[in-house]
Protein backbone atom coordinates (compact mmCIF):
# COMPACT_ATOMS: atom_id res chain seq x y z
CA UNK A 1 85.38 94.62 100.54
CA UNK A 2 88.99 94.19 101.85
CA UNK A 3 92.12 93.42 99.59
CA UNK A 4 95.29 93.17 99.15
CA UNK A 5 98.78 93.31 96.70
CA UNK A 6 102.52 92.57 97.25
CA UNK A 7 104.72 93.13 94.91
CA UNK A 8 108.51 93.88 94.88
CA UNK A 9 108.41 97.21 92.67
CA UNK A 10 110.78 97.67 89.98
CA UNK A 11 113.12 100.17 92.42
CA UNK A 12 113.63 96.80 94.09
CA UNK A 13 111.81 96.94 97.45
CA UNK A 14 108.63 94.71 97.66
CA UNK A 15 105.70 97.19 98.81
CA UNK A 16 102.74 95.09 100.72
CA UNK A 17 98.64 97.10 100.41
CA UNK A 18 95.59 96.51 102.07
CA UNK A 19 92.24 97.99 101.28
CA UNK A 20 89.24 98.08 102.31
CA UNK A 21 86.60 100.11 99.69
CA UNK A 22 83.21 99.25 98.32
CA UNK A 23 82.63 102.45 95.17
CA UNK A 24 85.34 104.25 96.95
CA UNK A 25 88.11 103.73 98.84
CA UNK A 26 87.85 103.83 102.59
CA UNK A 27 91.05 102.28 104.78
CA UNK A 28 94.29 102.00 103.19
CA UNK A 29 97.11 100.50 104.56
CA UNK A 30 101.05 100.53 103.34
CA UNK A 31 103.60 98.73 104.55
CA UNK A 32 107.30 97.23 103.08
CA UNK A 33 110.84 97.69 103.54
CA UNK A 34 111.66 100.81 101.20
CA UNK A 35 112.42 103.42 103.12
CA UNK A 36 110.21 107.18 103.29
CA UNK A 37 111.52 110.85 105.10
CA UNK A 38 110.05 111.92 107.08
CA UNK A 39 108.74 108.85 108.36
CA UNK A 40 104.77 110.03 109.35
CA UNK A 41 104.79 111.52 105.33
CA UNK A 42 103.08 107.47 104.57
CA UNK A 43 100.25 108.36 106.82
CA UNK A 44 99.26 111.37 104.87
CA UNK A 45 99.62 109.49 101.72
CA UNK A 46 97.53 106.47 102.62
CA UNK A 47 94.77 109.13 103.57
CA UNK A 48 94.98 111.08 100.51
CA UNK A 49 94.58 108.05 99.01
CA UNK A 50 91.30 107.20 100.86
CA UNK A 51 88.52 108.75 98.98
CA UNK A 52 89.60 107.95 95.87
CA UNK A 53 86.31 106.26 93.49
CA UNK A 54 87.97 102.55 93.68
CA UNK A 55 87.74 102.28 90.04
CA UNK A 56 90.51 105.87 89.68
CA UNK A 57 93.11 105.42 88.04
CA UNK A 58 97.01 105.04 88.13
CA UNK A 59 97.75 108.15 86.85
CA UNK A 60 95.05 109.89 89.13
CA UNK A 61 96.42 107.72 92.09
CA UNK A 62 100.53 108.34 91.47
CA UNK A 63 99.67 111.78 90.64
CA UNK A 64 97.88 112.53 94.32
CA UNK A 65 101.08 110.62 95.51
CA UNK A 66 103.39 113.25 94.22
CA UNK A 67 101.16 115.98 95.41
CA UNK A 68 102.16 115.43 99.29
CA UNK A 69 105.57 114.22 97.87
CA UNK A 70 106.34 117.54 96.26
CA UNK A 71 105.09 119.92 98.95
CA UNK A 72 106.72 118.24 101.97
CA UNK A 73 109.67 117.08 99.97
CA UNK A 74 109.70 113.62 100.99
CA UNK A 75 112.65 111.26 100.29
CA UNK A 76 111.53 108.35 98.87
CA UNK A 77 114.15 105.35 98.76
CA UNK A 78 113.17 101.87 96.29
CA UNK A 79 109.80 102.73 95.88
CA UNK A 80 108.30 106.02 93.27
CA UNK A 81 104.65 107.06 93.68
CA UNK A 82 104.13 105.20 90.10
CA UNK A 83 105.09 102.36 91.60
CA UNK A 84 102.55 103.03 94.80
CA UNK A 85 100.04 103.36 92.48
CA UNK A 86 100.41 100.61 90.46
CA UNK A 87 100.42 98.69 93.89
CA UNK A 88 97.69 99.83 95.02
CA UNK A 89 95.92 99.81 91.17
CA UNK A 90 96.24 95.79 91.64
CA UNK A 91 94.60 95.49 94.77
CA UNK A 92 91.76 97.10 93.99
CA UNK A 93 91.92 94.87 90.55
């Protein structure tokens, strides 16, 4: 199944998520008008979410995102790990 969600997050930026899943997440694409440095960190965040069960909770998803942010000292402007997790969870239903 392929699902999409978009949301203006509380930090003020628009986030769009396209996700392919069955029992687990197969593909994930995150776009929007937020900023992330280094830019390639977004790809690593997407890869760390792929493989999670489709019913993974928001805290589990946010924790995976935070681990990449902390380990790689990623700067996120206009977005947070929790906001990204919320949009991903919305796309999963």
